[in-house]
Amino acid sequence: MSEVIFREAVQADLPAVLDLLADDVLGRARDVGEVDATYEKAFADITADPRNHLVVAEFCGELVGCMQLTYIPGLGRHGSERLLVESVRVRSDQRGRGLGRQMMTWAIERARQRGCGLVQLTTDKSRHDAHRFYLGLGFVASHEGMKLSL
């Protein structure tokens, strides 16, 4: 997949991004592929925030992946920013071809260029394949994450 293009998502990408989010065992339970006012507002909020980037991966003119990158300022690690990577998805017919690795490598390189001291992400405990994937990229399961649904 050497001809993959990474770029900021635009409004026209929103339906395909939502399809990616819903094309997943866990995503089906919490996301729907239909654009509505709530998704449009969330997209507008993300694109208006200079610390947030909704990135899409294109291959042969088709949207095949997405991820959200959020740069978080902090005092820890001598005041360095950290990159939070969320909503990483690869279209189901493209999985197993190295696209996820390309996406994460691209994101990690952006973090290095920006001077981040850390790249972090969360992944559901049931996603055993994802755990192996991230460990293979050098991530360490060093913390226990917690969430509170509201």
N, C-alpha and C. Protein backbone atom coordinates (compact mmCIF):
# COMPACT_ATOMS: atom_id res chain seq x y z
N MET A 1 0.84 -1.20 0.00
CA MET A 1 0.00 0.00 0.00
C MET A 1 0.87 1.25 0.00
N SER A 2 1.80 1.32 -0.91
CA SER A 2 2.74 2.43 -0.90
C SER A 2 2.13 3.74 -1.39
N GLU A 3 1.00 3.71 -2.05
CA GLU A 3 0.40 4.94 -2.59
C GLU A 3 -0.68 5.51 -1.69
N VAL A 4 -0.59 5.27 -0.41
CA VAL A 4 -1.57 5.78 0.54
C VAL A 4 -1.30 7.26 0.76
N ILE A 5 -2.36 8.05 0.73
CA ILE A 5 -2.29 9.49 0.99
C ILE A 5 -2.98 9.75 2.32
N PHE A 6 -2.29 10.47 3.21
CA PHE A 6 -2.87 10.88 4.48
C PHE A 6 -3.18 12.36 4.39
N ARG A 7 -4.39 12.73 4.83
CA ARG A 7 -4.80 14.13 4.77
C ARG A 7 -5.86 14.39 5.83
N GLU A 8 -6.07 15.67 6.11
CA GLU A 8 -7.14 16.08 7.01
C GLU A 8 -8.49 15.75 6.36
N ALA A 9 -9.40 15.25 7.15
CA ALA A 9 -10.73 14.96 6.64
C ALA A 9 -11.46 16.27 6.31
N VAL A 10 -12.30 16.19 5.32
CA VAL A 10 -13.17 17.31 4.96
C VAL A 10 -14.62 16.86 5.15
N GLN A 11 -15.53 17.80 5.17
CA GLN A 11 -16.95 17.51 5.42
C GLN A 11 -17.47 16.37 4.55
N ALA A 12 -17.05 16.35 3.29
CA ALA A 12 -17.53 15.30 2.38
C ALA A 12 -17.08 13.90 2.79
N ASP A 13 -16.05 13.80 3.63
CA ASP A 13 -15.55 12.51 4.11
C ASP A 13 -16.38 11.95 5.26
N LEU A 14 -17.20 12.79 5.88
CA LEU A 14 -17.88 12.39 7.11
C LEU A 14 -18.69 11.09 6.96
N PRO A 15 -19.49 10.89 5.91
CA PRO A 15 -20.21 9.62 5.81
C PRO A 15 -19.28 8.40 5.78
N ALA A 16 -18.19 8.49 5.06
CA ALA A 16 -17.25 7.36 4.97
C ALA A 16 -16.55 7.13 6.30
N VAL A 17 -16.22 8.19 7.02
CA VAL A 17 -15.60 8.05 8.34
C VAL A 17 -16.57 7.37 9.30
N LEU A 18 -17.82 7.78 9.28
CA LEU A 18 -18.82 7.15 10.14
C LEU A 18 -19.01 5.68 9.79
N ASP A 19 -18.95 5.36 8.50
CA ASP A 19 -19.03 3.96 8.10
C ASP A 19 -17.86 3.17 8.67
N LEU A 20 -16.66 3.76 8.66
CA LEU A 20 -15.49 3.09 9.24
C LEU A 20 -15.67 2.86 10.73
N LEU A 21 -16.17 3.87 11.43
CA LEU A 21 -16.35 3.74 12.88
C LEU A 21 -17.38 2.66 13.21
N ALA A 22 -18.41 2.53 12.38
CA ALA A 22 -19.46 1.55 12.63
C ALA A 22 -19.11 0.15 12.11
N ASP A 23 -18.08 0.05 11.27
CA ASP A 23 -17.67 -1.22 10.67
C ASP A 23 -16.73 -1.96 11.62
N ASP A 24 -17.26 -2.30 12.78
CA ASP A 24 -16.43 -2.83 13.85
C ASP A 24 -17.37 -3.43 14.89
N VAL A 25 -16.97 -4.52 15.51
CA VAL A 25 -17.84 -5.18 16.48
C VAL A 25 -18.28 -4.21 17.57
N LEU A 26 -17.35 -3.47 18.14
CA LEU A 26 -17.70 -2.52 19.20
C LEU A 26 -18.35 -1.27 18.64
N GLY A 27 -17.89 -0.82 17.48
CA GLY A 27 -18.44 0.38 16.87
C GLY A 27 -19.90 0.27 16.51
N ARG A 28 -20.33 -0.92 16.10
CA ARG A 28 -21.74 -1.12 15.74
C ARG A 28 -22.67 -0.80 16.90
N ALA A 29 -22.17 -1.01 18.12
CA ALA A 29 -23.00 -0.79 19.30
C ALA A 29 -23.06 0.67 19.71
N ARG A 30 -22.13 1.50 19.21
CA ARG A 30 -22.11 2.88 19.68
C ARG A 30 -22.12 3.93 18.58
N ASP A 31 -21.92 3.53 17.34
CA ASP A 31 -21.91 4.49 16.24
C ASP A 31 -22.83 4.01 15.13
N VAL A 32 -23.39 4.97 14.42
CA VAL A 32 -24.21 4.66 13.26
C VAL A 32 -23.60 5.36 12.06
N GLY A 33 -23.79 4.79 10.88
CA GLY A 33 -23.20 5.35 9.69
C GLY A 33 -23.93 6.53 9.09
N GLU A 34 -25.01 6.96 9.71
CA GLU A 34 -25.81 8.04 9.15
C GLU A 34 -25.40 9.39 9.74
N VAL A 35 -25.13 10.34 8.86
CA VAL A 35 -24.76 11.69 9.30
C VAL A 35 -25.99 12.38 9.86
N ASP A 36 -25.84 12.93 11.06
CA ASP A 36 -26.92 13.72 11.65
C ASP A 36 -26.30 14.99 12.25
N ALA A 37 -27.12 15.82 12.86
CA ALA A 37 -26.65 17.10 13.39
C ALA A 37 -25.59 16.92 14.47
N THR A 38 -25.69 15.87 15.26
CA THR A 38 -24.71 15.64 16.33
C THR A 38 -23.33 15.34 15.74
N TYR A 39 -23.29 14.46 14.73
CA TYR A 39 -22.02 14.16 14.07
C TYR A 39 -21.47 15.39 13.35
N GLU A 40 -22.34 16.15 12.72
CA GLU A 40 -21.88 17.36 12.03
C GLU A 40 -21.27 18.36 13.01
N LYS A 41 -21.87 18.52 14.18
CA LYS A 41 -21.32 19.42 15.19
C LYS A 41 -19.97 18.91 15.70
N ALA A 42 -19.89 17.61 15.96
CA ALA A 42 -18.63 17.03 16.43
C ALA A 42 -17.53 17.23 15.39
N PHE A 43 -17.85 17.01 14.12
CA PHE A 43 -16.87 17.21 13.05
C PHE A 43 -16.43 18.67 13.01
N ALA A 44 -17.37 19.59 13.11
CA ALA A 44 -17.03 21.02 13.10
C ALA A 44 -16.16 21.38 14.29
N ASP A 45 -16.45 20.83 15.45
CA ASP A 45 -15.65 21.10 16.65
C ASP A 45 -14.22 20.58 16.48
N ILE A 46 -14.09 19.38 15.94
CA ILE A 46 -12.76 18.80 15.73
C ILE A 46 -11.96 19.65 14.76
N THR A 47 -12.56 19.99 13.63
CA THR A 47 -11.81 20.73 12.61
C THR A 47 -11.51 22.16 13.02
N ALA A 48 -12.29 22.72 13.94
CA ALA A 48 -12.05 24.09 14.40
C ALA A 48 -10.94 24.16 15.47
N ASP A 49 -10.60 23.04 16.06
CA ASP A 49 -9.62 23.00 17.14
C ASP A 49 -8.23 22.69 16.58
N PRO A 50 -7.28 23.61 16.70
CA PRO A 50 -5.96 23.37 16.10
C PRO A 50 -5.18 22.22 16.74
N ARG A 51 -5.62 21.73 17.87
CA ARG A 51 -4.95 20.58 18.52
C ARG A 51 -5.57 19.24 18.11
N ASN A 52 -6.63 19.28 17.33
CA ASN A 52 -7.32 18.07 16.89
C ASN A 52 -7.23 17.93 15.38
N HIS A 53 -6.99 16.70 14.96
CA HIS A 53 -6.90 16.43 13.52
C HIS A 53 -7.58 15.11 13.24
N LEU A 54 -8.62 15.16 12.41
CA LEU A 54 -9.25 13.94 11.93
C LEU A 54 -8.57 13.63 10.60
N VAL A 55 -7.81 12.56 10.60
CA VAL A 55 -6.98 12.20 9.44
C VAL A 55 -7.61 11.01 8.74
N VAL A 56 -7.63 11.09 7.42
CA VAL A 56 -8.11 9.96 6.62
C VAL A 56 -6.97 9.44 5.76
N ALA A 57 -7.08 8.16 5.44
CA ALA A 57 -6.12 7.51 4.55
C ALA A 57 -6.87 7.18 3.26
N GLU A 58 -6.29 7.58 2.15
CA GLU A 58 -6.86 7.31 0.83
C GLU A 58 -5.95 6.37 0.08
N PHE A 59 -6.55 5.42 -0.61
CA PHE A 59 -5.80 4.50 -1.46
C PHE A 59 -6.58 4.36 -2.75
N CYS A 60 -5.93 4.65 -3.86
CA CYS A 60 -6.58 4.59 -5.18
C CYS A 60 -7.87 5.40 -5.21
N GLY A 61 -7.86 6.56 -4.56
CA GLY A 61 -9.01 7.46 -4.57
C GLY A 61 -10.12 7.08 -3.62
N GLU A 62 -9.94 6.03 -2.83
CA GLU A 62 -10.97 5.60 -1.89
C GLU A 62 -10.51 5.81 -0.46
N LEU A 63 -11.43 6.20 0.41
CA LEU A 63 -11.12 6.36 1.82
C LEU A 63 -11.07 4.97 2.45
N VAL A 64 -9.90 4.60 2.99
CA VAL A 64 -9.70 3.24 3.51
C VAL A 64 -9.33 3.21 4.99
N GLY A 65 -9.15 4.38 5.60
CA GLY A 65 -8.79 4.41 7.01
C GLY A 65 -9.00 5.79 7.60
N CYS A 66 -9.04 5.83 8.93
CA CYS A 66 -9.16 7.11 9.62
C CYS A 66 -8.58 7.00 11.03
N MET A 67 -8.27 8.15 11.60
CA MET A 67 -7.82 8.23 12.99
C MET A 67 -7.93 9.68 13.44
N GLN A 68 -8.13 9.87 14.72
CA GLN A 68 -8.17 11.21 15.28
C GLN A 68 -6.91 11.41 16.11
N LEU A 69 -6.22 12.50 15.85
CA LEU A 69 -5.00 12.85 16.57
C LEU A 69 -5.28 14.10 17.40
N THR A 70 -5.00 14.01 18.68
CA THR A 70 -5.22 15.14 19.59
C THR A 70 -3.92 15.41 20.34
N TYR A 71 -3.43 16.63 20.21
CA TYR A 71 -2.21 17.04 20.92
C TYR A 71 -2.62 17.66 22.25
N ILE A 72 -2.08 17.09 23.33
CA ILE A 72 -2.46 17.50 24.68
C ILE A 72 -1.27 18.16 25.36
N PRO A 73 -1.40 19.45 25.73
CA PRO A 73 -0.31 20.09 26.48
C PRO A 73 -0.31 19.58 27.92
N GLY A 74 0.83 19.60 28.53
CA GLY A 74 0.90 19.16 29.93
C GLY A 74 2.17 19.65 30.59
N LEU A 75 2.16 19.61 31.89
CA LEU A 75 3.35 19.99 32.65
C LEU A 75 4.31 18.81 32.82
N GLY A 76 3.74 17.59 32.85
CA GLY A 76 4.58 16.41 32.99
C GLY A 76 5.52 16.25 31.80
N ARG A 77 6.55 15.44 32.00
CA ARG A 77 7.56 15.21 30.95
C ARG A 77 8.18 16.53 30.49
N HIS A 78 8.43 17.37 31.48
CA HIS A 78 9.09 18.67 31.28
C HIS A 78 8.29 19.56 30.34
N GLY A 79 6.97 19.53 30.49
CA GLY A 79 6.11 20.42 29.71
C GLY A 79 5.89 20.01 28.27
N SER A 80 6.20 18.78 27.93
CA SER A 80 6.04 18.38 26.53
C SER A 80 4.59 18.00 26.24
N GLU A 81 4.22 18.18 25.00
CA GLU A 81 2.91 17.72 24.55
C GLU A 81 2.93 16.20 24.43
N ARG A 82 1.74 15.63 24.46
CA ARG A 82 1.60 14.22 24.13
C ARG A 82 0.57 14.11 23.01
N LEU A 83 0.72 13.10 22.21
CA LEU A 83 -0.25 12.84 21.16
C LEU A 83 -1.16 11.71 21.61
N LEU A 84 -2.45 11.96 21.59
CA LEU A 84 -3.45 10.94 21.86
C LEU A 84 -4.02 10.49 20.51
N VAL A 85 -3.95 9.20 20.25
CA VAL A 85 -4.46 8.63 19.00
C VAL A 85 -5.74 7.87 19.34
N GLU A 86 -6.82 8.22 18.66
CA GLU A 86 -8.12 7.61 18.91
C GLU A 86 -8.79 7.26 17.59
N SER A 87 -9.81 6.43 17.68
CA SER A 87 -10.68 6.10 16.53
C SER A 87 -9.90 5.63 15.31
N VAL A 88 -8.92 4.78 15.55
CA VAL A 88 -8.14 4.22 14.45
C VAL A 88 -8.98 3.12 13.80
N ARG A 89 -9.24 3.27 12.53
CA ARG A 89 -10.02 2.27 11.81
C ARG A 89 -9.44 2.06 10.42
N VAL A 90 -9.42 0.82 10.00
CA VAL A 90 -9.06 0.43 8.64
C VAL A 90 -10.27 -0.28 8.06
N ARG A 91 -10.63 0.09 6.85
CA ARG A 91 -11.79 -0.52 6.20
C ARG A 91 -11.62 -2.04 6.17
N SER A 92 -12.67 -2.78 6.45
CA SER A 92 -12.57 -4.23 6.66
C SER A 92 -11.95 -4.96 5.47
N ASP A 93 -12.20 -4.53 4.26
CA ASP A 93 -11.61 -5.22 3.10
C ASP A 93 -10.15 -4.86 2.87
N GLN A 94 -9.61 -3.96 3.67
CA GLN A 94 -8.21 -3.54 3.54
C GLN A 94 -7.34 -4.01 4.72
N ARG A 95 -7.94 -4.67 5.69
CA ARG A 95 -7.20 -5.09 6.86
C ARG A 95 -6.21 -6.20 6.50
N GLY A 96 -5.09 -6.21 7.23
CA GLY A 96 -4.07 -7.24 7.01
C GLY A 96 -3.10 -6.92 5.90
N ARG A 97 -3.15 -5.71 5.36
CA ARG A 97 -2.27 -5.32 4.25
C ARG A 97 -1.20 -4.30 4.66
N GLY A 98 -1.14 -4.00 5.96
CA GLY A 98 -0.12 -3.07 6.43
C GLY A 98 -0.57 -1.63 6.53
N LEU A 99 -1.83 -1.34 6.23
CA LEU A 99 -2.31 0.03 6.28
C LEU A 99 -2.29 0.57 7.70
N GLY A 100 -2.72 -0.22 8.66
CA GLY A 100 -2.72 0.23 10.06
C GLY A 100 -1.32 0.62 10.51
N ARG A 101 -0.33 -0.17 10.13
CA ARG A 101 1.07 0.14 10.47
C ARG A 101 1.50 1.44 9.81
N GLN A 102 1.13 1.63 8.54
CA GLN A 102 1.46 2.89 7.86
C GLN A 102 0.82 4.08 8.56
N MET A 103 -0.43 3.92 8.94
CA MET A 103 -1.15 5.01 9.61
C MET A 103 -0.47 5.38 10.92
N MET A 104 -0.18 4.38 11.73
CA MET A 104 0.42 4.65 13.03
C MET A 104 1.84 5.20 12.88
N THR A 105 2.60 4.68 11.95
CA THR A 105 3.95 5.19 11.70
C THR A 105 3.89 6.66 11.29
N TRP A 106 2.93 7.00 10.45
CA TRP A 106 2.73 8.38 10.01
C TRP A 106 2.40 9.27 11.20
N ALA A 107 1.47 8.81 12.05
CA ALA A 107 1.07 9.60 13.23
C ALA A 107 2.23 9.78 14.19
N ILE A 108 2.98 8.74 14.44
CA ILE A 108 4.13 8.82 15.34
C ILE A 108 5.17 9.79 14.80
N GLU A 109 5.38 9.77 13.51
CA GLU A 109 6.36 10.71 12.92
C GLU A 109 5.87 12.15 13.07
N ARG A 110 4.57 12.42 12.91
CA ARG A 110 4.04 13.78 13.13
C ARG A 110 4.31 14.21 14.57
N ALA A 111 4.11 13.29 15.51
CA ALA A 111 4.35 13.61 16.93
C ALA A 111 5.82 13.94 17.16
N ARG A 112 6.71 13.17 16.56
CA ARG A 112 8.16 13.46 16.70
C ARG A 112 8.49 14.84 16.12
N GLN A 113 7.97 15.11 14.94
CA GLN A 113 8.24 16.40 14.30
C GLN A 113 7.72 17.56 15.14
N ARG A 114 6.64 17.35 15.84
CA ARG A 114 6.05 18.40 16.66
C ARG A 114 6.75 18.54 18.00
N GLY A 115 7.58 17.56 18.36
CA GLY A 115 8.30 17.62 19.62
C GLY A 115 7.57 16.98 20.79
N CYS A 116 6.58 16.15 20.50
CA CYS A 116 5.85 15.46 21.57
C CYS A 116 6.80 14.54 22.35
N GLY A 117 6.50 14.39 23.63
CA GLY A 117 7.29 13.50 24.47
C GLY A 117 6.70 12.12 24.59
N LEU A 118 5.48 11.92 24.08
CA LEU A 118 4.79 10.66 24.28
C LEU A 118 3.65 10.53 23.27
N VAL A 119 3.43 9.32 22.81
CA VAL A 119 2.24 8.99 22.03
C VAL A 119 1.45 7.99 22.87
N GLN A 120 0.18 8.26 23.07
CA GLN A 120 -0.63 7.36 23.88
C GLN A 120 -1.93 7.04 23.15
N LEU A 121 -2.52 5.92 23.55
CA LEU A 121 -3.80 5.52 23.00
C LEU A 121 -4.47 4.59 23.99
N THR A 122 -5.75 4.40 23.80
CA THR A 122 -6.46 3.38 24.56
C THR A 122 -7.03 2.38 23.55
N THR A 123 -7.17 1.17 23.99
CA THR A 123 -7.79 0.15 23.17
C THR A 123 -8.60 -0.75 24.08
N ASP A 124 -9.79 -1.09 23.65
CA ASP A 124 -10.68 -1.90 24.47
C ASP A 124 -10.00 -3.22 24.86
N LYS A 125 -10.25 -3.65 26.07
CA LYS A 125 -9.63 -4.89 26.57
C LYS A 125 -9.99 -6.11 25.73
N SER A 126 -11.10 -6.06 25.02
CA SER A 126 -11.51 -7.21 24.21
C SER A 126 -10.80 -7.26 22.86
N ARG A 127 -10.06 -6.23 22.50
CA ARG A 127 -9.40 -6.16 21.19
C ARG A 127 -7.99 -6.78 21.24
N HIS A 128 -7.93 -8.09 21.35
CA HIS A 128 -6.65 -8.77 21.51
C HIS A 128 -5.73 -8.60 20.30
N ASP A 129 -6.30 -8.61 19.10
CA ASP A 129 -5.48 -8.39 17.90
C ASP A 129 -4.88 -6.99 17.90
N ALA A 130 -5.67 -6.01 18.33
CA ALA A 130 -5.18 -4.63 18.40
C ALA A 130 -4.05 -4.53 19.42
N HIS A 131 -4.18 -5.22 20.54
CA HIS A 131 -3.12 -5.19 21.56
C HIS A 131 -1.81 -5.70 20.97
N ARG A 132 -1.86 -6.84 20.26
CA ARG A 132 -0.66 -7.37 19.63
C ARG A 132 -0.09 -6.39 18.61
N PHE A 133 -0.98 -5.78 17.85
CA PHE A 133 -0.56 -4.81 16.84
C PHE A 133 0.20 -3.64 17.48
N TYR A 134 -0.36 -3.04 18.51
CA TYR A 134 0.27 -1.89 19.15
C TYR A 134 1.56 -2.29 19.87
N LEU A 135 1.57 -3.45 20.49
CA LEU A 135 2.80 -3.92 21.12
C LEU A 135 3.89 -4.11 20.07
N GLY A 136 3.52 -4.60 18.90
CA GLY A 136 4.46 -4.77 17.79
C GLY A 136 5.03 -3.46 17.27
N LEU A 137 4.32 -2.38 17.50
CA LEU A 137 4.80 -1.05 17.10
C LEU A 137 5.68 -0.43 18.18
N GLY A 138 5.81 -1.09 19.32
CA GLY A 138 6.64 -0.57 20.40
C GLY A 138 5.89 0.05 21.55
N PHE A 139 4.56 0.07 21.48
CA PHE A 139 3.78 0.59 22.60
C PHE A 139 3.90 -0.37 23.77
N VAL A 140 3.79 0.16 24.97
CA VAL A 140 3.88 -0.64 26.18
C VAL A 140 2.58 -0.46 26.96
N ALA A 141 2.01 -1.55 27.41
CA ALA A 141 0.79 -1.49 28.22
C ALA A 141 1.18 -1.15 29.65
N SER A 142 1.52 0.12 29.86
CA SER A 142 2.10 0.56 31.14
C SER A 142 1.08 1.06 32.14
N HIS A 143 -0.15 1.33 31.69
CA HIS A 143 -1.16 1.91 32.56
C HIS A 143 -2.47 1.15 32.43
N GLU A 144 -3.28 1.25 33.43
CA GLU A 144 -4.63 0.70 33.37
C GLU A 144 -5.56 1.87 33.08
N GLY A 145 -6.23 1.85 31.95
CA GLY A 145 -7.13 2.95 31.60
C GLY A 145 -8.50 2.75 32.20
N MET A 146 -9.17 3.83 32.46
CA MET A 146 -10.53 3.79 33.00
C MET A 146 -11.37 4.83 32.28
N LYS A 147 -12.65 4.50 32.12
CA LYS A 147 -13.58 5.42 31.47
C LYS A 147 -14.89 5.41 32.26
N LEU A 148 -15.58 6.52 32.18
CA LEU A 148 -16.88 6.65 32.79
C LEU A 148 -17.84 7.14 31.72
N SER A 149 -18.75 6.29 31.30
CA SER A 149 -19.72 6.68 30.28
C SER A 149 -20.75 7.61 30.91
N LEU A 150 -21.08 8.66 30.21
CA LEU A 150 -22.08 9.63 30.69
C LEU A 150 -23.28 9.65 29.77
